[in-house]
Protein backbone atom coordinates (compact mmCIF):
# COMPACT_ATOMS: atom_id res chain seq x y z
CA MET A 1 7.52 -24.90 17.72
CA SER A 2 7.83 -22.71 14.60
CA GLU A 3 7.20 -25.79 12.46
CA PHE A 4 4.01 -26.39 14.44
CA ILE A 5 2.87 -22.76 14.17
CA ASN A 6 3.47 -22.71 10.44
CA ASN A 7 1.60 -25.92 9.86
CA SER A 8 -1.87 -24.86 8.71
CA ARG A 9 -3.35 -28.34 9.13
CA LYS A 10 -2.30 -28.54 12.76
CA ARG A 11 -3.60 -25.04 13.45
CA VAL A 12 -7.01 -25.90 11.99
CA ASP A 13 -7.18 -29.11 14.05
CA GLU A 14 -6.22 -27.22 17.18
CA LEU A 15 -8.78 -24.53 16.46
CA LYS A 16 -11.50 -27.17 16.02
CA SER A 17 -10.47 -28.68 19.33
CA LEU A 18 -10.69 -25.29 21.04
CA ILE A 19 -14.17 -24.60 19.59
CA LEU A 20 -15.35 -28.05 20.67
CA GLY A 21 -13.96 -27.25 24.12
CA LEU A 22 -16.37 -24.33 24.25
CA HIS A 23 -19.12 -26.77 23.31
CA GLU A 24 -18.11 -28.87 26.32
CA GLY A 25 -18.26 -25.93 28.72
CA LYS A 26 -14.86 -24.24 28.76
CA THR A 27 -14.97 -20.46 29.10
CA ALA A 28 -14.10 -18.05 26.30
CA GLU A 29 -11.25 -16.64 28.42
CA GLU A 30 -9.72 -20.08 28.97
CA THR A 31 -9.93 -20.78 25.27
CA ARG A 32 -8.46 -17.43 24.32
CA GLU A 33 -5.49 -17.84 26.67
CA LYS A 34 -4.70 -21.26 25.23
CA LEU A 35 -5.14 -19.96 21.70
CA VAL A 36 -2.65 -17.12 22.23
CA GLU A 37 -0.22 -19.39 24.05
CA MET A 38 -0.12 -22.18 21.48
CA MET A 39 -0.94 -20.56 18.18
CA GLY A 40 -0.49 -16.80 18.21
CA SER A 41 -2.67 -15.12 15.60
CA VAL A 42 -4.98 -17.24 13.47
CA PRO A 43 -5.42 -16.52 9.74
CA TYR A 44 -9.11 -15.85 9.09
CA SER A 45 -9.13 -18.49 6.33
CA GLU A 46 -8.37 -21.13 8.96
CA VAL A 47 -11.25 -19.96 11.17
CA VAL A 48 -13.53 -20.46 8.16
CA GLN A 49 -12.02 -23.86 7.39
CA ALA A 50 -12.44 -25.00 11.00
CA GLU A 51 -16.14 -24.04 11.01
CA GLU A 52 -16.71 -25.75 7.65
CA GLU A 53 -15.07 -28.98 8.82
CA LEU A 54 -16.97 -29.07 12.10
CA ILE A 55 -20.26 -28.79 10.21
CA ASP A 56 -19.15 -31.44 7.69
CA GLU A 57 -18.19 -33.75 10.57
CA GLY A 58 -21.68 -33.59 12.04
CA LEU A 59 -21.75 -30.65 14.43
CA ASP A 60 -25.23 -29.24 13.88
CA ARG A 61 -25.43 -25.79 12.29
CA GLU A 62 -27.66 -24.68 15.17
CA GLU A 63 -24.96 -25.79 17.60
CA VAL A 64 -22.34 -23.83 15.68
CA LEU A 65 -24.69 -20.85 15.86
CA LYS A 66 -24.87 -21.17 19.67
CA LEU A 67 -21.09 -21.30 19.87
CA CYS A 68 -20.61 -18.44 17.44
CA ASP A 69 -20.62 -15.65 20.03
CA LEU A 70 -18.42 -17.63 22.41
CA HIS A 71 -15.69 -18.45 19.95
CA THR A 72 -15.87 -14.94 18.44
CA ASP A 73 -15.18 -13.53 21.93
CA ALA A 74 -12.40 -16.04 22.41
CA LEU A 75 -10.73 -15.11 19.12
CA ASP A 76 -11.28 -11.36 19.54
CA GLY A 77 -8.05 -9.67 18.48
CA ALA A 78 -6.33 -12.95 17.65
CA ILE A 79 -7.56 -13.31 14.07
CA ASP A 80 -5.02 -12.24 11.47
CA THR A 81 -6.65 -10.30 8.61
CA SER A 82 -3.39 -8.96 7.21
CA MET A 83 -3.67 -11.14 4.10
CA ALA A 84 -6.89 -9.41 3.04
CA LYS A 85 -6.66 -7.25 -0.05
CA ASP A 86 -7.16 -3.49 0.08
CA ILE A 87 -10.73 -2.37 -0.61
CA PRO A 88 -11.06 0.41 -3.22
CA GLU A 89 -13.45 3.32 -2.61
CA GLY A 90 -16.99 2.66 -3.86
CA HIS A 91 -16.45 -1.14 -3.93
CA PRO A 92 -19.38 -3.12 -2.45
CA LEU A 93 -17.23 -4.10 0.55
CA TYR A 94 -16.21 -0.47 1.01
CA VAL A 95 -19.91 0.43 1.13
CA LEU A 96 -20.68 -2.38 3.60
CA THR A 97 -17.82 -1.19 5.82
CA LYS A 98 -19.12 2.39 5.73
CA GLU A 99 -22.56 1.08 6.69
CA ASN A 100 -20.95 -0.65 9.68
CA GLU A 101 -19.31 2.64 10.70
CA ALA A 102 -22.70 4.35 10.57
CA LEU A 103 -24.25 1.55 12.67
CA HIS A 104 -21.49 2.00 15.27
CA LYS A 105 -22.23 5.74 15.46
CA HIS A 106 -25.92 5.06 16.08
CA ILE A 107 -25.07 2.54 18.78
CA ASP A 108 -22.78 5.10 20.44
CA LYS A 109 -25.59 7.69 20.39
CA ILE A 110 -27.94 5.26 22.12
CA LYS A 111 -25.25 4.42 24.69
CA HIS A 112 -24.82 8.12 25.38
CA LEU A 113 -28.55 8.46 26.04
CA GLN A 114 -28.40 5.40 28.29
CA TYR A 115 -25.75 7.18 30.38
CA SER A 116 -28.11 10.15 30.80
CA ILE A 117 -30.92 7.83 31.88
CA GLU A 118 -28.86 5.92 34.42
CA ASN A 119 -27.58 9.15 35.97
CA GLY A 120 -30.99 10.83 36.10
CA GLU A 121 -33.72 10.74 38.71
CA LYS A 122 -35.12 7.21 38.89
CA GLU A 123 -38.79 8.22 39.05
CA LYS A 124 -38.57 10.90 36.37
CA SER A 125 -40.04 10.29 32.90
CA ASP A 126 -38.64 12.16 29.90
CA PRO A 127 -40.83 11.52 26.80
CA LYS A 128 -38.45 13.58 24.64
CA LEU A 129 -35.53 11.32 25.58
CA ILE A 130 -37.62 8.22 24.95
CA PHE A 131 -38.59 9.61 21.53
CA GLN A 132 -34.86 10.09 20.73
CA ILE A 133 -34.11 6.49 21.66
CA HIS A 134 -37.12 5.28 19.68
CA SER A 135 -36.00 7.25 16.61
CA LEU A 136 -32.47 5.84 16.81
CA PHE A 137 -33.77 2.27 17.08
CA ASN A 138 -36.05 3.00 14.13
CA GLU A 139 -33.01 4.04 12.13
CA LEU A 140 -31.11 0.93 13.24
CA MET A 141 -33.77 -1.06 11.38
CA ASP A 142 -31.79 -0.02 8.30
CA VAL A 143 -29.48 -2.91 9.20
CA GLU A 144 -32.07 -5.07 7.43
CA LYS A 145 -30.83 -3.75 4.07
CA HIS A 146 -27.24 -4.49 5.09
CA TYR A 147 -28.17 -8.07 5.99
CA LEU A 148 -30.24 -8.57 2.83
CA LYS A 149 -27.25 -7.59 0.68
CA LEU A 150 -25.13 -10.17 2.48
CA GLU A 151 -27.79 -12.90 2.32
CA ASN A 152 -29.05 -12.37 -1.23
CA LEU A 153 -25.95 -11.05 -3.00
CA LEU A 154 -22.70 -11.96 -1.20
CA PHE A 155 -23.59 -15.36 0.27
CA PRO A 156 -24.70 -16.91 -3.05
CA PHE A 157 -21.31 -16.05 -4.57
CA LEU A 158 -19.49 -17.61 -1.61
CA GLU A 159 -21.61 -20.72 -2.04
CA LYS A 160 -20.51 -20.82 -5.68
CA TYR A 161 -16.99 -21.30 -4.32
CA GLU A 162 -18.28 -23.96 -1.88
CA ILE A 163 -18.05 -21.74 1.19
CA THR A 164 -21.31 -22.51 2.96
CA GLY A 165 -20.69 -22.85 6.71
CA PRO A 166 -19.95 -19.26 7.80
CA PRO A 167 -22.74 -17.73 5.66
CA MET A 168 -25.29 -20.11 7.19
CA VAL A 169 -24.09 -19.31 10.70
CA MET A 170 -24.16 -15.58 10.03
CA TRP A 171 -27.64 -15.76 8.50
CA GLY A 172 -28.82 -17.34 11.74
CA LYS A 173 -27.26 -14.49 13.71
CA HIS A 174 -28.99 -11.98 11.43
CA ASP A 175 -32.34 -13.52 12.36
CA GLU A 176 -31.47 -13.24 16.05
CA THR A 177 -30.66 -9.55 15.60
CA ARG A 178 -33.91 -8.98 13.70
CA ALA A 179 -35.85 -10.50 16.60
CA PHE A 180 -33.98 -8.33 19.13
CA LEU A 181 -34.72 -5.16 17.15
CA LYS A 182 -38.39 -6.04 16.78
CA SER A 183 -38.72 -6.61 20.54
CA SER A 184 -36.88 -3.36 21.33
CA LEU A 185 -39.17 -1.31 19.09
CA GLN A 186 -42.27 -2.96 20.51
CA LEU A 187 -41.13 -2.16 24.04
CA LEU A 188 -40.49 1.49 23.11
CA THR A 189 -43.87 1.79 21.37
CA GLU A 190 -45.71 0.43 24.40
CA ASN A 191 -43.82 2.48 27.03
CA LYS A 192 -43.70 6.08 25.79
CA ASN A 193 -43.81 7.46 29.34
CA ALA A 194 -41.47 5.03 31.09
CA THR A 195 -39.45 6.29 34.04
CA ASN A 196 -35.65 6.35 34.01
CA GLU A 197 -35.65 3.34 36.32
CA GLU A 198 -37.91 1.40 33.93
CA LEU A 199 -35.78 2.41 30.94
CA SER A 200 -32.64 1.18 32.72
CA GLY A 201 -34.39 -2.15 33.12
CA PHE A 202 -35.27 -2.17 29.42
CA PHE A 203 -31.62 -1.58 28.54
CA GLU A 204 -30.53 -4.50 30.67
CA LEU A 205 -33.34 -6.75 29.42
CA ILE A 206 -33.33 -6.13 25.65
CA PHE A 207 -31.75 -2.87 24.42
CA ASN A 208 -28.15 -3.76 25.34
CA PRO A 209 -28.41 -7.33 23.97
CA THR A 210 -29.78 -5.81 20.74
CA LEU A 211 -26.88 -3.37 20.42
CA LYS A 212 -24.37 -6.10 21.28
CA SER A 213 -25.89 -8.39 18.66
CA ILE A 214 -25.38 -5.73 15.98
CA SER A 215 -21.84 -4.96 17.19
CA ASP A 216 -20.89 -8.64 17.26
CA MET A 217 -22.05 -9.08 13.68
CA ILE A 218 -19.91 -6.12 12.60
CA HIS A 219 -16.95 -7.78 14.30
CA LYS A 220 -17.61 -11.11 12.54
CA GLU A 221 -17.98 -9.41 9.18
CA GLU A 222 -14.85 -7.32 9.36
CA GLU A 223 -12.56 -9.95 10.90
CA ILE A 224 -13.74 -13.00 8.95
CA LEU A 225 -16.42 -12.50 6.29
CA PHE A 226 -15.05 -9.46 4.47
CA PRO A 227 -11.39 -10.54 4.21
CA MET A 228 -12.43 -14.03 3.13
CA SER A 229 -14.82 -12.64 0.51
CA MET A 230 -12.27 -10.17 -0.83
CA ASP A 231 -9.78 -12.96 -1.38
CA THR A 232 -12.35 -15.35 -2.89
CA LEU A 233 -14.56 -13.38 -5.28
CA THR A 234 -13.44 -12.03 -8.65
CA GLU A 235 -13.85 -8.44 -9.83
CA ILE A 236 -16.70 -9.55 -12.09
CA ASP A 237 -18.42 -11.19 -9.10
CA TRP A 238 -18.17 -7.91 -7.19
CA TYR A 239 -19.40 -5.95 -10.18
CA GLU A 240 -22.51 -8.13 -10.34
CA ILE A 241 -23.09 -7.51 -6.62
CA GLN A 242 -22.68 -3.78 -7.13
CA GLN A 243 -25.14 -3.72 -10.03
CA GLN A 244 -27.82 -5.28 -7.81
CA SER A 245 -27.08 -3.50 -4.52
CA GLY A 246 -29.06 -0.36 -5.36
CA GLU A 247 -32.27 -2.36 -5.68
CA ILE A 248 -31.99 -3.49 -2.05
CA GLY A 249 -30.83 -0.10 -0.77
CA TYR A 250 -28.25 1.17 1.69
CA CYS A 251 -27.94 1.17 5.46
CA LEU A 252 -27.52 4.64 7.00
CA TYR A 253 -25.00 5.49 4.25
CA VAL A 254 -25.45 6.38 0.60
CA PRO A 255 -22.35 5.91 -1.62
CA ASP A 256 -21.36 8.93 -3.70
CA LYS A 257 -18.84 7.12 -5.86
CA GLU A 258 -19.36 4.06 -8.07
CA TRP A 259 -16.55 1.54 -8.21
CA ARG A 260 -15.56 0.22 -11.63
CA PRO A 261 -13.34 -2.85 -11.93
CA ASP A 262 -10.26 -3.04 -14.16
CA ALA A 263 -11.81 -5.85 -16.21
CA ALA A 264 -12.22 -5.45 -19.96
CA GLU A 265 -15.30 -3.54 -21.11
CA SER A 266 -16.56 -6.64 -22.93
CA GLU A 267 -16.61 -8.54 -19.62
CA LEU A 268 -18.52 -5.75 -17.87
CA GLU A 269 -21.10 -5.61 -20.66
CA LYS A 270 -22.00 -9.24 -19.97
CA VAL A 271 -23.07 -8.25 -16.47
CA LYS A 272 -25.33 -5.42 -17.56
CA THR A 273 -28.99 -6.16 -18.14
CA SER A 274 -30.99 -5.01 -21.16
CA ASP A 275 -31.27 -1.25 -21.49
CA LYS A 276 -34.99 -1.43 -22.25
CA ILE A 277 -37.76 -1.59 -19.67
CA LYS A 278 -40.48 -3.50 -21.46
CA LEU A 279 -44.13 -3.00 -20.52
CA SER A 280 -47.31 -4.46 -22.01
CA THR A 281 -48.06 -1.27 -23.96
CA GLY A 282 -44.55 -0.14 -24.87
CA SER A 283 -41.02 0.27 -23.54
CA PHE A 284 -38.64 2.88 -22.13
CA THR A 285 -34.95 3.30 -21.63
CA PRO A 286 -34.25 3.99 -17.93
CA GLU A 287 -33.47 7.61 -18.81
CA GLU A 288 -36.80 8.03 -20.64
CA LEU A 289 -38.83 6.52 -17.81
CA GLU A 290 -37.08 8.54 -15.12
CA GLY A 291 -37.42 11.75 -17.14
CA PHE A 292 -41.09 11.04 -17.78
CA LEU A 293 -41.90 10.49 -14.09
CA ASN A 294 -39.84 13.44 -12.89
CA SER A 295 -41.50 15.81 -15.38
CA LEU A 296 -44.97 15.31 -13.88
CA PRO A 297 -46.15 17.90 -11.30
CA VAL A 298 -46.99 15.05 -8.92
CA ASP A 299 -44.74 13.35 -6.36
CA PHE A 300 -44.75 9.53 -6.56
CA THR A 301 -43.50 7.08 -3.95
CA PHE A 302 -43.89 3.33 -4.49
CA VAL A 303 -44.00 0.80 -1.65
CA ASP A 304 -43.82 -2.90 -2.56
CA LYS A 305 -46.00 -5.74 -1.22
CA ASN A 306 -43.56 -6.23 1.70
CA ASP A 307 -44.07 -2.58 2.79
CA LYS A 308 -40.60 -1.52 1.64
CA VAL A 309 -39.95 1.76 -0.16
CA LYS A 310 -38.71 0.87 -3.65
CA TYR A 311 -38.89 4.15 -5.58
CA PHE A 312 -39.68 7.85 -5.41
CA SER A 313 -39.79 10.48 -8.16
CA GLU A 314 -37.49 13.48 -8.08
CA GLY A 315 -39.54 16.29 -9.58
CA ILE A 316 -38.35 19.89 -9.38
CA ASP A 317 -41.00 21.00 -6.88
CA ARG A 318 -41.51 18.06 -4.54
CA VAL A 319 -44.07 18.69 -1.82
CA PHE A 320 -42.31 16.40 0.66
CA PRO A 321 -38.52 15.94 0.43
CA ARG A 322 -37.15 12.40 0.04
CA SER A 323 -33.67 10.95 0.57
CA LYS A 324 -32.22 7.84 -1.08
CA ALA A 325 -31.56 6.57 2.43
CA ILE A 326 -35.25 5.56 2.67
CA LEU A 327 -34.94 3.08 -0.23
CA GLY A 328 -35.39 -0.44 1.07
CA ARG A 329 -36.77 0.73 4.43
CA LEU A 330 -40.12 -0.38 5.80
CA VAL A 331 -42.53 2.47 5.08
CA GLN A 332 -43.67 2.36 8.71
CA TYR A 333 -40.23 3.58 9.79
CA CYS A 334 -40.48 6.55 7.42
CA HIS A 335 -43.40 8.02 9.38
CA PRO A 336 -43.63 9.45 12.92
CA PRO A 337 -44.66 6.79 15.48
CA SER A 338 -47.91 8.72 16.06
CA SER A 339 -49.12 8.07 12.48
CA VAL A 340 -47.89 4.51 11.94
CA HIS A 341 -51.29 3.06 12.86
CA ILE A 342 -52.90 4.97 9.96
CA VAL A 343 -50.24 3.70 7.54
CA ASP A 344 -50.83 0.14 8.76
CA GLN A 345 -54.60 0.45 8.39
CA ILE A 346 -54.31 1.66 4.79
CA LEU A 347 -51.87 -1.09 3.84
CA ASN A 348 -53.93 -3.80 5.56
CA ASP A 349 -57.13 -2.63 3.83
CA PHE A 350 -55.36 -2.58 0.45
CA LYS A 351 -53.89 -6.04 0.98
CA SER A 352 -57.22 -7.53 2.04
CA GLY A 353 -59.00 -5.95 -0.92
CA ALA A 354 -61.35 -4.00 1.36
CA GLN A 355 -60.18 -0.71 -0.15
CA ASP A 356 -58.27 0.51 -3.21
CA LYS A 357 -57.61 4.17 -2.41
CA ALA A 358 -57.33 6.64 0.44
CA LYS A 359 -57.26 10.44 0.03
CA PHE A 360 -56.32 13.36 2.28
CA TRP A 361 -55.89 17.11 1.76
CA ILE A 362 -54.09 19.56 4.00
CA GLN A 363 -53.05 23.20 4.12
CA LEU A 364 -49.24 23.34 4.15
CA GLY A 365 -48.11 26.95 4.32
CA ASP A 366 -49.27 28.57 1.07
CA LYS A 367 -49.81 25.16 -0.53
CA PHE A 368 -53.03 23.16 -0.56
CA VAL A 369 -51.76 19.60 -0.80
CA HIS A 370 -53.73 16.60 -2.02
CA ILE A 371 -52.31 13.25 -0.87
CA ALA A 372 -53.68 10.02 -2.33
CA TYR A 373 -52.76 6.38 -1.82
CA PHE A 374 -53.67 3.76 -4.43
CA ALA A 375 -53.43 -0.01 -4.20
CA VAL A 376 -51.30 -1.42 -7.02
CA ARG A 377 -52.44 -4.80 -8.31
CA ASP A 378 -51.18 -7.16 -11.01
CA LYS A 379 -53.28 -8.39 -13.94
CA ASN A 380 -54.76 -11.10 -11.68
CA GLY A 381 -55.85 -8.57 -9.09
CA GLU A 382 -53.17 -9.60 -6.59
CA TYR A 383 -51.78 -6.82 -4.40
CA ILE A 384 -48.19 -5.92 -5.34
CA GLY A 385 -47.77 -2.57 -3.61
CA THR A 386 -49.00 0.93 -2.91
CA VAL A 387 -48.30 4.22 -4.67
CA GLU A 388 -48.47 7.55 -2.85
CA MET A 389 -49.22 10.66 -4.93
CA SER A 390 -48.73 14.13 -3.46
CA HIS A 391 -49.68 17.27 -5.39
CA ASP A 392 -50.02 20.98 -4.67
CA ILE A 393 -53.47 21.73 -6.13
CA SER A 394 -53.66 25.40 -5.15
CA GLU A 395 -53.74 26.56 -8.78
CA TYR A 396 -56.60 24.18 -9.64
CA ARG A 397 -58.77 25.51 -6.79
CA ALA A 398 -58.37 29.01 -8.20
CA LEU A 399 -59.40 28.14 -11.80
CA GLU A 400 -62.46 29.87 -13.26
CA GLY A 401 -64.10 29.76 -16.67
CA GLU A 402 -62.30 27.93 -19.50
CA ARG A 403 -59.05 28.09 -21.45
CA ARG A 404 -59.38 26.82 -25.01
CA ILE A 405 -56.39 28.49 -26.65
CA LEU A 406 -52.65 27.94 -26.22
CA ASN A 407 -51.20 30.14 -23.49
CA TYR A 408 -47.81 29.18 -22.03
CA GLU A 409 -47.21 29.89 -18.35
CA ASP A 410 -44.44 32.35 -17.49
């Protein structure tokens, strides 16, 4: 028996047989019992190998996707990740794991609110509670940045090492989760005064499947994807991923420490891009450009053509505070639900070319704030984003006469 257990080839064949059994209708519990009885724990590398071989042998990727949840449930707790290397603080996988922890906390908060709903009066409506749930689901949309880092940074490196099956399956599960989240948010937007009984129905219909979809992906990542990636990629691979992660953004967690590999400095320099940001009328170092933008008495926020927040300035006296957590988020989820329709109208008018700017001014305490939105277009006139400019113009309203000589402000 020990010879059988230690024979990787036989374990992979048996695992393929068990997964195909699920395809033929066996339950996850039946499969799990047989798995534990015959094989004990399964090294994660063999789970990956089994999936790869099934795809290579003709099992359709979509069919593997359908079986993914079933065989993940069947293998729950039976996958051996002990061979995975330790993850140093600040490493891209460390950050991804911290993002998963934050996602779990948000799911727990929603579950706690669900308990309150299911133990409340059925006919009662609590708009404040619904707003809390809506806000938490809004924040869960940050999982998009987590998935984009996997799809656009980690998966291509795995493919370089000819690991293609699991990434393709996981990408499909990401799309399912995206659809669940979109439906959940739409339901919350359209039912702001739902009763507790109606909300309980929403949880059963779509909210719980959404939360389970996110939780299941965390399980797949931490039991299979992350250990496999840690053992496959080199330090230079991870360094390249880290250098590009900030552009996509972070999911409910902002790292405060940057990981640096032990590789020689000459190797790290090859990864770095040019220090100069070249424009048609000149160039900056990153430090020069950031200093220039932050020195202006105007707050800038840039949203790209896909409605994602890509940049904000950090001047000394910002009118509206910003957190790095908004980077990579859809701008709609950075505004209260009551004003999202205005944001959408501005963006749609900019994209269609119907308008190029929108201006507002408000009294904010002792500040008189001018807020302007401008369509950003490339040299061909194609829409590439929107810039928001916020500025306290109180001092300008109070100006009288002229000043023609140098007079520094105190």
